[in-house]
């Protein structure tokens, strides 16, 4: 049986690992997340994306991602340096949890909507395809924000600051929150994402089979390529957006799974009395699971870069041939048309 000195040494080691893992994990996520989110905005606000309903959902998800990165993650980084605002102020305690919960649900909802949009776009039923329109997305995006902002209000009442710690106020609320969060985030949203993704893939295969069985469609595509190149480009954007969304959903499900398992475990054992060693191990497991969950909000840009050649080309065009200042503030002073000098200038 280990003596007290060995237990204390083990606890110190576990706590040090947890602190360092959280500190440097959050710092990396904070830096890469902000860079990726800003580049996402710059690319997705280009005209070819602004006309696409799917990209509007992806662009909308960037706002809650930025709020999570610059509020929730920043608070957690500060906590690893013994400056925990949530333990010092009841306002920050409730505010941080509210932003974390509402913006997490909102970000995932927008990606789910992007998946539904791709399902509608690939459907052979005209009424379903009508869902994949900018008019629909511009209506749903603010509605989703309002709904989750209202639904998440219960977090403001359930979160308490007890003995200098920002925790769930009671065992009954903790059980409710863990069950509600696990069912919603761990089951409902992933199941819907998976279901719509599988149906979308099936739709794409059916469309490809139709093309293969109709030679005249190939002839039409050749004519369109000669006379209407924008039509072919639009299809390229549509299908690359589909692949981007599918990969993002896969990453979300994989990185979210450990957190769901931990939430189920905590709910089952919430009334059990654990030793200090068990608590230390559970806290380390929670830190690892939460860092994996948080990576969802900083990896979107990097997923798009790896999965979409069109996205990479647009980013390269933005960084090399275009310019940040023009994209951000507009350009009304340099309408030159001819050959451009071999410098980074005001080009579009």
Protein backbone atom coordinates (compact mmCIF):
# COMPACT_ATOMS: atom_id res chain seq x y z
CA UNK A 1 0.00 0.00 0.00
CA UNK A 2 1.53 3.35 -1.00
CA UNK A 3 2.40 5.75 1.79
CA UNK A 4 1.31 9.38 2.05
CA UNK A 5 4.54 10.70 0.54
CA UNK A 6 4.14 8.53 -2.56
CA UNK A 7 0.51 9.59 -2.95
CA UNK A 8 1.43 13.27 -2.63
CA UNK A 9 4.21 12.84 -5.19
CA UNK A 10 1.81 11.09 -7.58
CA UNK A 11 -0.82 13.82 -7.15
CA UNK A 12 1.77 16.52 -7.77
CA UNK A 13 2.89 14.78 -10.96
CA UNK A 14 -0.70 14.37 -12.22
CA UNK A 15 -1.55 18.00 -11.45
CA UNK A 16 1.62 19.22 -13.18
CA UNK A 17 0.82 17.16 -16.27
CA UNK A 18 -2.74 18.47 -16.30
CA UNK A 19 -1.68 22.10 -15.91
CA UNK A 20 1.01 21.94 -18.60
CA UNK A 21 -1.18 19.99 -21.02
CA UNK A 22 -4.01 22.48 -20.61
CA UNK A 23 -1.75 25.54 -20.71
CA UNK A 24 0.17 24.69 -23.86
CA UNK A 25 -2.75 22.93 -25.52
CA UNK A 26 -4.97 25.99 -25.08
CA UNK A 27 -2.19 28.36 -26.15
CA UNK A 28 -1.69 26.46 -29.40
CA UNK A 29 -5.44 26.35 -30.01
CA UNK A 30 -5.76 30.06 -29.19
CA UNK A 31 -3.07 31.11 -31.68
CA UNK A 32 -3.94 28.72 -34.50
CA UNK A 33 -7.66 29.23 -33.94
CA UNK A 34 -7.52 33.00 -34.31
CA UNK A 35 -5.29 32.82 -37.38
CA UNK A 36 -7.46 30.15 -39.01
CA UNK A 37 -10.75 31.90 -38.21
CA UNK A 38 -9.58 35.23 -39.63
CA UNK A 39 -8.32 33.56 -42.80
CA UNK A 40 -11.63 31.69 -43.03
CA UNK A 41 -13.47 35.01 -42.96
CA UNK A 42 -11.20 36.52 -45.62
CA UNK A 43 -11.69 33.58 -47.99
CA UNK A 44 -15.38 32.92 -47.34
CA UNK A 45 -16.34 36.57 -47.86
CA UNK A 46 -15.11 36.46 -51.44
CA UNK A 47 -17.93 36.83 -54.02
CA UNK A 48 -17.91 33.22 -55.21
CA UNK A 49 -18.56 32.00 -51.64
CA UNK A 50 -21.01 34.72 -50.63
CA UNK A 51 -23.37 33.51 -53.34
CA UNK A 52 -23.43 29.97 -51.92
CA UNK A 53 -25.85 28.99 -49.13
CA UNK A 54 -23.57 26.26 -47.75
CA UNK A 55 -20.60 28.59 -47.39
CA UNK A 56 -22.85 31.09 -45.59
CA UNK A 57 -23.43 28.50 -42.83
CA UNK A 58 -19.71 27.79 -42.65
CA UNK A 59 -18.97 31.51 -42.47
CA UNK A 60 -21.62 31.96 -39.76
CA UNK A 61 -19.97 29.23 -37.65
CA UNK A 62 -16.79 31.31 -37.56
CA UNK A 63 -18.36 33.91 -35.23
CA UNK A 64 -19.19 31.50 -32.37
CA UNK A 65 -15.81 29.86 -32.93
CA UNK A 66 -14.07 33.20 -32.41
CA UNK A 67 -16.10 33.89 -29.26
CA UNK A 68 -15.16 30.50 -27.82
CA UNK A 69 -11.49 30.99 -28.70
CA UNK A 70 -11.19 34.54 -27.35
CA UNK A 71 -13.39 34.19 -24.27
CA UNK A 72 -13.62 30.57 -23.11
CA UNK A 73 -10.13 29.47 -24.11
CA UNK A 74 -8.56 32.74 -22.98
CA UNK A 75 -10.16 32.34 -19.54
CA UNK A 76 -8.80 28.80 -19.31
CA UNK A 77 -5.31 29.92 -20.33
CA UNK A 78 -5.35 32.56 -17.61
CA UNK A 79 -6.49 29.94 -15.09
CA UNK A 80 -3.35 27.86 -15.76
CA UNK A 81 -1.32 30.91 -14.66
CA UNK A 82 -3.28 31.14 -11.37
CA UNK A 83 -5.43 34.01 -12.64
CA UNK A 84 -8.86 32.40 -12.79
CA UNK A 85 -11.47 35.09 -13.43
CA UNK A 86 -14.32 32.60 -13.05
CA UNK A 87 -13.30 31.83 -9.47
CA UNK A 88 -12.96 35.51 -8.56
CA UNK A 89 -16.23 36.81 -10.00
CA UNK A 90 -19.73 35.33 -10.12
CA UNK A 91 -20.39 37.32 -13.30
CA UNK A 92 -17.39 35.85 -15.14
CA UNK A 93 -18.28 32.39 -13.84
CA UNK A 94 -21.77 32.51 -15.37
CA UNK A 95 -20.68 34.49 -18.44
CA UNK A 96 -17.92 32.05 -19.40
CA UNK A 97 -20.18 29.02 -19.05
CA UNK A 98 -23.02 30.67 -20.95
CA UNK A 99 -20.76 31.63 -23.87
CA UNK A 100 -19.15 28.19 -23.87
CA UNK A 101 -22.47 26.34 -23.95
CA UNK A 102 -24.49 28.56 -26.28
CA UNK A 103 -21.71 29.19 -28.81
CA UNK A 104 -20.71 25.51 -28.88
CA UNK A 105 -24.26 24.51 -29.76
CA UNK A 106 -24.57 27.34 -32.27
CA UNK A 107 -21.33 26.49 -34.07
CA UNK A 108 -22.31 22.83 -34.37
CA UNK A 109 -25.80 23.75 -35.51
CA UNK A 110 -24.40 25.83 -38.37
CA UNK A 111 -22.25 22.90 -39.52
CA UNK A 112 -25.29 20.62 -39.28
CA UNK A 113 -27.23 23.12 -41.39
CA UNK A 114 -24.39 23.15 -43.92
CA UNK A 115 -24.69 19.37 -44.10
CA UNK A 116 -28.47 19.59 -44.56
CA UNK A 117 -27.89 22.20 -47.26
CA UNK A 118 -25.62 19.81 -49.18
CA UNK A 119 -28.21 17.05 -48.80
CA UNK A 120 -30.85 19.34 -50.28
CA UNK A 121 -28.51 20.48 -53.06
CA UNK A 122 -27.84 16.88 -54.18
CA UNK A 123 -31.48 15.77 -53.95
CA UNK A 124 -33.44 14.88 -57.09
CA UNK A 125 -36.58 16.38 -55.54
CA UNK A 126 -37.10 19.99 -56.58
CA UNK A 127 -38.73 21.04 -53.31
CA UNK A 128 -35.77 19.80 -51.31
CA UNK A 129 -33.30 21.59 -53.56
CA UNK A 130 -35.15 24.82 -52.80
CA UNK A 131 -33.71 24.64 -49.26
CA UNK A 132 -30.20 25.21 -50.65
CA UNK A 133 -30.77 28.90 -51.33
CA UNK A 134 -29.25 32.06 -49.87
CA UNK A 135 -32.70 33.37 -48.96
CA UNK A 136 -33.25 30.35 -46.71
CA UNK A 137 -29.80 30.48 -45.10
CA UNK A 138 -30.07 34.21 -44.40
CA UNK A 139 -33.30 33.51 -42.50
CA UNK A 140 -32.15 30.44 -40.58
CA UNK A 141 -28.74 31.78 -39.46
CA UNK A 142 -30.07 34.56 -37.16
CA UNK A 143 -32.95 32.35 -36.01
CA UNK A 144 -30.52 29.68 -34.82
CA UNK A 145 -28.54 32.32 -32.91
CA UNK A 146 -31.66 33.58 -31.13
CA UNK A 147 -32.93 30.08 -30.30
CA UNK A 148 -29.70 28.83 -28.73
CA UNK A 149 -29.18 32.10 -26.87
CA UNK A 150 -32.57 31.59 -25.21
CA UNK A 151 -32.28 27.83 -24.67
CA UNK A 152 -28.91 28.25 -22.92
CA UNK A 153 -30.24 30.68 -20.30
CA UNK A 154 -30.59 27.82 -17.79
CA UNK A 155 -26.78 27.76 -17.53
CA UNK A 156 -26.89 31.22 -15.93
CA UNK A 157 -29.04 29.89 -13.09
CA UNK A 158 -27.38 26.50 -12.70
CA UNK A 159 -23.78 27.65 -12.55
CA UNK A 160 -22.51 28.73 -9.12
CA UNK A 161 -19.31 29.98 -7.54
CA UNK A 162 -18.77 27.75 -4.50
CA UNK A 163 -15.67 27.96 -2.28
CA UNK A 164 -13.82 29.93 -4.93
CA UNK A 165 -14.65 27.47 -7.72
CA UNK A 166 -17.01 27.90 -10.66
CA UNK A 167 -19.03 24.67 -10.66
CA UNK A 168 -22.47 23.24 -11.35
CA UNK A 169 -24.62 24.41 -8.44
CA UNK A 170 -26.08 21.11 -7.23
CA UNK A 171 -25.96 17.38 -7.91
CA UNK A 172 -29.46 17.44 -9.37
CA UNK A 173 -28.58 20.20 -11.84
CA UNK A 174 -25.24 18.53 -12.60
CA UNK A 175 -27.08 15.30 -13.51
CA UNK A 176 -29.59 17.23 -15.63
CA UNK A 177 -26.86 19.20 -17.42
CA UNK A 178 -24.66 16.17 -18.11
CA UNK A 179 -27.58 14.12 -19.45
CA UNK A 180 -28.93 17.04 -21.49
CA UNK A 181 -25.50 17.92 -22.86
CA UNK A 182 -24.58 14.30 -23.60
CA UNK A 183 -27.84 13.56 -25.41
CA UNK A 184 -27.79 16.80 -27.40
CA UNK A 185 -24.10 17.18 -28.20
CA UNK A 186 -23.07 13.53 -28.06
CA UNK A 187 -26.06 11.85 -29.69
CA UNK A 188 -28.62 14.06 -31.43
CA UNK A 189 -26.28 16.36 -33.37
CA UNK A 190 -23.76 13.64 -34.40
CA UNK A 191 -26.57 11.26 -35.44
CA UNK A 192 -28.21 13.97 -37.56
CA UNK A 193 -24.85 14.90 -39.07
CA UNK A 194 -24.05 11.27 -39.86
CA UNK A 195 -27.52 10.58 -41.26
CA UNK A 196 -27.57 13.57 -43.59
CA UNK A 197 -23.96 12.88 -44.63
CA UNK A 198 -24.74 9.28 -45.61
CA UNK A 199 -27.85 10.31 -47.54
CA UNK A 200 -25.89 13.08 -49.27
CA UNK A 201 -23.18 10.62 -50.32
CA UNK A 202 -25.89 8.33 -51.68
CA UNK A 203 -27.42 11.24 -53.60
CA UNK A 204 -24.06 12.09 -55.13
CA UNK A 205 -23.54 8.49 -56.24
CA UNK A 206 -27.01 8.43 -57.79
CA UNK A 207 -26.29 11.65 -59.66
CA UNK A 208 -22.99 10.24 -60.91
CA UNK A 209 -24.74 7.07 -62.10
CA UNK A 210 -27.27 9.15 -64.00
CA UNK A 211 -24.47 11.02 -65.73
CA UNK A 212 -22.74 7.78 -66.63
CA UNK A 213 -25.92 6.40 -68.20
CA UNK A 214 -26.72 9.49 -70.22
CA UNK A 215 -24.13 10.30 -72.85
CA UNK A 216 -25.93 13.47 -73.86
CA UNK A 217 -25.21 14.97 -70.45
CA UNK A 218 -21.48 14.68 -71.15
CA UNK A 219 -22.05 16.52 -74.40
CA UNK A 220 -23.95 19.21 -72.48
CA UNK A 221 -21.11 19.59 -69.99
CA UNK A 222 -18.61 20.04 -72.82
CA UNK A 223 -20.81 22.73 -74.37
CA UNK A 224 -21.24 24.45 -71.01
CA UNK A 225 -17.53 24.38 -70.43
CA UNK A 226 -16.99 26.21 -73.69
CA UNK A 227 -19.88 28.65 -73.44
CA UNK A 228 -20.57 28.90 -69.69
CA UNK A 229 -17.44 28.11 -67.68
CA UNK A 230 -18.97 29.64 -64.55
CA UNK A 231 -21.53 26.79 -64.44
CA UNK A 232 -18.76 24.19 -64.20
CA UNK A 233 -16.94 26.27 -61.59
CA UNK A 234 -20.10 26.53 -59.52
CA UNK A 235 -20.43 22.75 -59.51
CA UNK A 236 -16.82 22.48 -58.40
CA UNK A 237 -17.47 24.82 -55.49
CA UNK A 238 -20.62 22.94 -54.53
CA UNK A 239 -18.98 19.54 -54.38
CA UNK A 240 -15.81 20.75 -52.72
CA UNK A 241 -17.92 22.47 -50.06
CA UNK A 242 -19.69 19.15 -49.57
CA UNK A 243 -16.41 17.32 -49.03
CA UNK A 244 -15.17 20.03 -46.66
CA UNK A 245 -18.31 19.70 -44.53
CA UNK A 246 -18.18 15.88 -44.49
CA UNK A 247 -14.56 15.84 -43.28
CA UNK A 248 -15.34 18.45 -40.63
CA UNK A 249 -18.23 16.34 -39.35
CA UNK A 250 -15.97 13.27 -39.17
CA UNK A 251 -13.37 15.21 -37.15
CA UNK A 252 -16.11 16.55 -34.86
CA UNK A 253 -17.47 13.08 -34.07
CA UNK A 254 -14.02 11.62 -33.39
CA UNK A 255 -12.80 14.46 -31.15
CA UNK A 256 -16.12 14.74 -29.31
CA UNK A 257 -16.37 11.04 -28.40
CA UNK A 258 -13.97 11.05 -25.37
CA UNK A 259 -15.83 14.01 -23.82
CA UNK A 260 -19.18 12.22 -24.20
CA UNK A 261 -17.77 9.10 -22.50
CA UNK A 262 -16.39 11.22 -19.67
CA UNK A 263 -19.75 13.00 -19.21
CA UNK A 264 -21.55 9.65 -18.98
CA UNK A 265 -19.01 8.41 -16.43
CA UNK A 266 -19.35 11.56 -14.31
CA UNK A 267 -23.15 11.33 -14.37
CA UNK A 268 -23.10 7.69 -13.22
CA UNK A 269 -20.55 8.28 -10.43
CA UNK A 270 -21.68 11.73 -9.32
CA UNK A 271 -22.96 10.51 -5.93
CA UNK A 272 -19.89 8.34 -5.25
CA UNK A 273 -17.13 9.56 -2.96
CA UNK A 274 -13.82 9.40 -4.76
CA UNK A 275 -10.31 9.47 -3.37
CA UNK A 276 -7.93 12.31 -4.11
CA UNK A 277 -6.08 10.07 -6.57
CA UNK A 278 -9.29 9.23 -8.44
CA UNK A 279 -10.26 12.90 -8.59
CA UNK A 280 -6.83 13.86 -9.95
CA UNK A 281 -7.04 11.20 -12.67
CA UNK A 282 -10.61 12.24 -13.55
CA UNK A 283 -9.57 15.89 -13.82
CA UNK A 284 -6.67 14.95 -16.10
CA UNK A 285 -9.02 12.89 -18.28
CA UNK A 286 -11.46 15.81 -18.40
CA UNK A 287 -8.70 18.22 -19.44
CA UNK A 288 -7.60 15.94 -22.28
CA UNK A 289 -11.20 15.38 -23.43
CA UNK A 290 -12.01 19.08 -23.29
CA UNK A 291 -8.90 20.08 -25.26
CA UNK A 292 -9.97 17.60 -27.96
CA UNK A 293 -13.44 19.14 -28.04
CA UNK A 294 -12.04 22.66 -28.25
CA UNK A 295 -9.88 21.72 -31.25
CA UNK A 296 -13.09 21.61 -33.30
CA UNK A 297 -13.28 25.38 -33.13
CA UNK A 298 -9.75 26.03 -34.38
CA UNK A 299 -9.23 23.33 -37.00
CA UNK A 300 -11.94 24.28 -39.52
CA UNK A 301 -9.62 26.42 -41.64
CA UNK A 302 -6.93 23.74 -41.69
CA UNK A 303 -9.47 21.06 -42.63
CA UNK A 304 -10.61 23.20 -45.56
CA UNK A 305 -7.02 23.78 -46.69
CA UNK A 306 -6.28 20.06 -46.67
CA UNK A 307 -9.51 18.92 -48.34
CA UNK A 308 -10.30 21.57 -50.95
CA UNK A 309 -8.07 22.52 -53.87
CA UNK A 310 -10.41 25.40 -54.68
CA UNK A 311 -10.15 26.76 -51.13
CA UNK A 312 -6.35 26.57 -51.35
CA UNK A 313 -6.33 28.40 -54.67
CA UNK A 314 -8.61 31.12 -53.32
CA UNK A 315 -6.41 31.56 -50.25
CA UNK A 316 -3.27 31.71 -52.40
CA UNK A 317 -4.92 34.25 -54.68
CA UNK A 318 -5.92 36.31 -51.66
CA UNK A 319 -2.48 36.26 -50.06
CA UNK A 320 -0.31 36.63 -53.15
CA UNK A 321 -2.24 38.25 -55.97
CA UNK A 322 -4.80 40.14 -53.95
CA UNK A 323 -4.26 42.11 -50.76
CA UNK A 324 -5.58 42.14 -47.24
CA UNK A 325 -6.21 45.87 -47.10
CA UNK A 326 -8.27 45.91 -50.26
CA UNK A 327 -10.29 42.94 -49.11
CA UNK A 328 -10.95 44.49 -45.72
CA UNK A 329 -11.48 48.13 -46.67
CA UNK A 330 -12.30 48.07 -50.38
CA UNK A 331 -10.43 49.55 -53.31
CA UNK A 332 -11.67 52.54 -55.16
CA UNK A 333 -8.38 54.09 -56.04
CA UNK A 334 -6.62 51.62 -58.35
CA UNK A 335 -8.81 50.45 -61.23
CA UNK A 336 -5.89 49.34 -63.39
CA UNK A 337 -6.66 46.68 -65.97
CA UNK A 338 -3.50 45.83 -67.89
CA UNK A 339 -0.48 43.77 -66.86
CA UNK A 340 0.51 44.27 -63.25
CA UNK A 341 4.01 44.77 -61.90
CA UNK A 342 5.68 41.84 -60.17
CA UNK A 343 4.89 43.14 -56.68
CA UNK A 344 2.15 42.66 -54.14
CA UNK A 345 -0.24 45.35 -55.30
CA UNK A 346 -3.88 46.20 -55.40
CA UNK A 347 -5.21 43.41 -57.60
CA UNK A 348 -8.44 41.52 -57.40
